[in-house]
């Protein structure tokens, strides 16, 4: 299925892009994250399991058990604080 990936803040900086079209067979956010990390390059470090990363699917905050459907927008971003 075709989805859109969006990256914010330090993840965007690490990957060098703010968004990309992606073809995936992943059915959940967790499977998608694993798929992305398996790509190598900057992905394993930027999306590492030990890092606190927030996820939104179609602009709704969710956890990694959320399902992904055709045409979904999946956004990854680090938790941020204001000051």
N, C-alpha and C. Protein backbone atom coordinates (compact mmCIF):
# COMPACT_ATOMS: atom_id res chain seq x y z
N UNK A 1 0.84 -1.18 0.00
CA UNK A 1 0.00 0.00 0.00
C UNK A 1 0.88 1.24 0.00
N UNK A 2 0.34 2.33 -0.47
CA UNK A 2 1.06 3.59 -0.54
C UNK A 2 0.64 4.47 0.62
N UNK A 3 1.65 5.01 1.33
CA UNK A 3 1.41 5.91 2.45
C UNK A 3 2.35 7.10 2.33
N UNK A 4 2.12 8.10 3.16
CA UNK A 4 3.02 9.24 3.25
C UNK A 4 3.64 9.26 4.62
N UNK A 5 4.94 9.41 4.67
CA UNK A 5 5.67 9.51 5.94
C UNK A 5 6.05 10.97 6.16
N UNK A 6 5.92 11.41 7.39
CA UNK A 6 6.34 12.76 7.77
C UNK A 6 7.26 12.65 8.98
N UNK A 7 8.31 13.47 8.96
CA UNK A 7 9.30 13.47 10.04
C UNK A 7 9.45 14.88 10.57
N UNK A 8 9.60 15.00 11.88
CA UNK A 8 9.69 16.31 12.51
C UNK A 8 10.91 16.42 13.41
N UNK A 9 11.35 17.66 13.61
CA UNK A 9 12.41 18.02 14.56
C UNK A 9 13.68 17.20 14.32
N UNK A 10 14.24 16.60 15.36
CA UNK A 10 15.52 15.90 15.25
C UNK A 10 15.46 14.70 14.31
N UNK A 11 14.30 14.08 14.16
CA UNK A 11 14.18 12.95 13.24
C UNK A 11 14.30 13.46 11.80
N UNK A 12 13.66 14.58 11.51
CA UNK A 12 13.77 15.19 10.18
C UNK A 12 15.23 15.54 9.88
N UNK A 13 15.91 16.11 10.86
CA UNK A 13 17.31 16.48 10.67
C UNK A 13 18.18 15.27 10.42
N UNK A 14 17.96 14.20 11.18
CA UNK A 14 18.76 12.99 11.02
C UNK A 14 18.55 12.33 9.66
N UNK A 15 17.31 12.34 9.18
CA UNK A 15 17.00 11.68 7.91
C UNK A 15 17.18 12.58 6.71
N UNK A 16 17.27 13.88 6.95
CA UNK A 16 17.49 14.82 5.85
C UNK A 16 16.27 15.06 4.98
N UNK A 17 15.09 14.75 5.49
CA UNK A 17 13.87 15.00 4.74
C UNK A 17 12.71 15.18 5.71
N UNK A 18 11.71 15.92 5.27
CA UNK A 18 10.55 16.12 6.13
C UNK A 18 9.39 15.20 5.76
N UNK A 19 9.41 14.66 4.53
CA UNK A 19 8.35 13.74 4.15
C UNK A 19 8.80 12.90 2.96
N UNK A 20 8.09 11.79 2.78
CA UNK A 20 8.37 10.94 1.63
C UNK A 20 7.18 10.02 1.39
N UNK A 21 6.99 9.67 0.13
CA UNK A 21 6.01 8.65 -0.23
C UNK A 21 6.66 7.30 0.05
N UNK A 22 5.87 6.33 0.49
CA UNK A 22 6.42 5.04 0.88
C UNK A 22 5.45 3.93 0.51
N UNK A 23 5.99 2.85 -0.02
CA UNK A 23 5.20 1.64 -0.27
C UNK A 23 5.52 0.65 0.83
N UNK A 24 4.49 0.10 1.46
CA UNK A 24 4.71 -0.80 2.58
C UNK A 24 3.70 -1.93 2.60
N UNK A 25 4.10 -3.01 3.22
CA UNK A 25 3.19 -4.12 3.50
C UNK A 25 2.88 -4.16 4.99
N UNK A 26 3.46 -3.22 5.74
CA UNK A 26 3.28 -3.18 7.20
C UNK A 26 1.82 -2.89 7.53
N UNK A 27 1.28 -3.63 8.47
CA UNK A 27 -0.10 -3.43 8.87
C UNK A 27 -0.26 -2.55 10.09
N UNK A 28 0.85 -2.34 10.82
CA UNK A 28 0.81 -1.52 12.03
C UNK A 28 1.98 -0.54 12.03
N UNK A 29 1.88 0.44 12.91
CA UNK A 29 2.98 1.39 13.05
C UNK A 29 4.25 0.68 13.50
N UNK A 30 4.14 -0.29 14.40
CA UNK A 30 5.32 -1.02 14.88
C UNK A 30 6.03 -1.73 13.72
N UNK A 31 5.26 -2.40 12.87
CA UNK A 31 5.84 -3.10 11.73
C UNK A 31 6.46 -2.11 10.75
N UNK A 32 5.83 -0.95 10.58
CA UNK A 32 6.38 0.09 9.71
C UNK A 32 7.70 0.60 10.25
N UNK A 33 7.76 0.86 11.54
CA UNK A 33 9.00 1.34 12.16
C UNK A 33 10.12 0.32 11.96
N UNK A 34 9.82 -0.96 12.15
CA UNK A 34 10.82 -2.01 11.92
C UNK A 34 11.28 -2.02 10.46
N UNK A 35 10.33 -1.87 9.55
CA UNK A 35 10.64 -1.85 8.12
C UNK A 35 11.56 -0.68 7.79
N UNK A 36 11.27 0.48 8.34
CA UNK A 36 12.10 1.65 8.08
C UNK A 36 13.50 1.47 8.65
N UNK A 37 13.61 0.95 9.86
CA UNK A 37 14.93 0.75 10.46
C UNK A 37 15.76 -0.26 9.66
N UNK A 38 15.09 -1.23 9.05
CA UNK A 38 15.80 -2.24 8.25
C UNK A 38 16.39 -1.65 6.96
N UNK A 39 15.99 -0.43 6.60
CA UNK A 39 16.52 0.22 5.40
C UNK A 39 17.98 0.62 5.56
N UNK A 40 18.44 0.70 6.81
CA UNK A 40 19.82 1.11 7.03
C UNK A 40 19.99 2.61 6.96
N UNK A 41 21.19 3.05 6.67
CA UNK A 41 21.48 4.47 6.62
C UNK A 41 21.20 5.13 7.96
N UNK A 42 20.52 6.25 7.96
CA UNK A 42 20.23 6.99 9.19
C UNK A 42 18.99 6.47 9.91
N UNK A 43 18.19 5.63 9.25
CA UNK A 43 16.94 5.16 9.85
C UNK A 43 17.11 4.40 11.17
N UNK A 44 18.03 3.45 11.28
CA UNK A 44 18.12 2.71 12.54
C UNK A 44 18.39 3.59 13.75
N UNK A 45 19.23 4.58 13.60
CA UNK A 45 19.53 5.46 14.72
C UNK A 45 18.40 6.45 14.97
N UNK A 46 17.84 7.02 13.91
CA UNK A 46 16.78 8.02 14.06
C UNK A 46 15.51 7.44 14.68
N UNK A 47 15.21 6.17 14.37
CA UNK A 47 13.97 5.55 14.82
C UNK A 47 14.21 4.42 15.83
N UNK A 48 15.38 4.38 16.43
CA UNK A 48 15.76 3.30 17.34
C UNK A 48 14.71 3.06 18.43
N UNK A 49 14.54 1.81 18.79
CA UNK A 49 13.55 1.41 19.80
C UNK A 49 13.80 2.08 21.15
N UNK A 50 15.02 2.38 21.50
CA UNK A 50 15.31 2.99 22.79
C UNK A 50 14.96 4.47 22.87
N UNK A 51 14.68 5.07 21.72
CA UNK A 51 14.36 6.50 21.69
C UNK A 51 12.87 6.73 21.93
N UNK A 52 12.59 7.81 22.63
CA UNK A 52 11.20 8.21 22.82
C UNK A 52 10.73 8.89 21.54
N UNK A 53 9.83 8.23 20.84
CA UNK A 53 9.30 8.77 19.59
C UNK A 53 7.78 8.72 19.65
N UNK A 54 7.17 9.83 19.30
CA UNK A 54 5.71 9.90 19.24
C UNK A 54 5.28 9.63 17.81
N UNK A 55 4.06 9.13 17.65
CA UNK A 55 3.56 8.78 16.33
C UNK A 55 2.12 9.28 16.18
N UNK A 56 1.82 9.77 14.99
CA UNK A 56 0.45 10.13 14.66
C UNK A 56 0.10 9.46 13.33
N UNK A 57 -1.12 8.92 13.26
CA UNK A 57 -1.63 8.36 12.01
C UNK A 57 -2.81 9.22 11.61
N UNK A 58 -2.72 9.79 10.42
CA UNK A 58 -3.76 10.70 9.92
C UNK A 58 -4.04 11.81 10.93
N UNK A 59 -2.97 12.35 11.49
CA UNK A 59 -2.99 13.50 12.41
C UNK A 59 -3.68 13.20 13.75
N UNK A 60 -3.73 11.94 14.12
CA UNK A 60 -4.28 11.53 15.42
C UNK A 60 -3.17 10.80 16.17
N UNK A 61 -2.84 11.29 17.36
CA UNK A 61 -1.81 10.64 18.17
C UNK A 61 -2.22 9.20 18.47
N UNK A 62 -1.25 8.31 18.39
CA UNK A 62 -1.54 6.89 18.58
C UNK A 62 -0.31 6.19 19.13
N UNK A 63 -0.44 4.89 19.36
CA UNK A 63 0.72 4.10 19.75
C UNK A 63 1.08 3.19 18.58
N UNK A 64 2.09 2.36 18.77
CA UNK A 64 2.59 1.55 17.67
C UNK A 64 1.68 0.39 17.28
N UNK A 65 0.63 0.15 18.04
CA UNK A 65 -0.29 -0.93 17.67
C UNK A 65 -1.33 -0.46 16.65
N UNK A 66 -1.33 0.82 16.32
CA UNK A 66 -2.32 1.37 15.39
C UNK A 66 -2.16 0.78 14.00
N UNK A 67 -3.29 0.52 13.37
CA UNK A 67 -3.31 -0.01 12.01
C UNK A 67 -2.99 1.10 11.01
N UNK A 68 -2.39 0.69 9.91
CA UNK A 68 -2.09 1.60 8.80
C UNK A 68 -2.91 1.15 7.60
N UNK A 69 -3.57 2.10 6.96
CA UNK A 69 -4.38 1.80 5.77
C UNK A 69 -3.83 2.52 4.55
N UNK A 70 -4.26 2.08 3.38
CA UNK A 70 -3.87 2.71 2.12
C UNK A 70 -4.10 4.22 2.21
N UNK A 71 -3.09 4.98 1.78
CA UNK A 71 -3.20 6.43 1.75
C UNK A 71 -2.97 7.13 3.08
N UNK A 72 -2.63 6.38 4.12
CA UNK A 72 -2.43 6.97 5.45
C UNK A 72 -1.23 7.91 5.46
N UNK A 73 -1.29 8.86 6.38
CA UNK A 73 -0.16 9.72 6.68
C UNK A 73 0.34 9.31 8.06
N UNK A 74 1.61 8.92 8.14
CA UNK A 74 2.21 8.50 9.40
C UNK A 74 3.32 9.47 9.73
N UNK A 75 3.21 10.10 10.90
CA UNK A 75 4.20 11.11 11.31
C UNK A 75 4.97 10.62 12.52
N UNK A 76 6.28 10.81 12.47
CA UNK A 76 7.17 10.45 13.58
C UNK A 76 7.80 11.72 14.11
N UNK A 77 7.80 11.89 15.43
CA UNK A 77 8.44 13.06 16.01
C UNK A 77 8.84 12.79 17.45
N UNK A 78 9.90 13.44 17.90
CA UNK A 78 10.32 13.29 19.29
C UNK A 78 9.39 14.07 20.19
N UNK A 79 9.25 13.66 21.43
CA UNK A 79 8.45 14.48 22.35
C UNK A 79 9.13 15.84 22.49
N UNK A 80 8.35 16.87 22.55
CA UNK A 80 8.91 18.22 22.68
C UNK A 80 8.29 18.91 23.89
N UNK A 81 9.03 19.84 24.42
CA UNK A 81 8.52 20.63 25.54
C UNK A 81 8.62 22.10 25.17
N UNK A 82 7.74 22.84 25.68
CA UNK A 82 7.77 24.29 25.44
C UNK A 82 8.38 25.00 26.63
N UNK A 83 8.75 26.22 26.45
CA UNK A 83 9.37 26.90 27.55
C UNK A 83 9.08 28.29 27.59
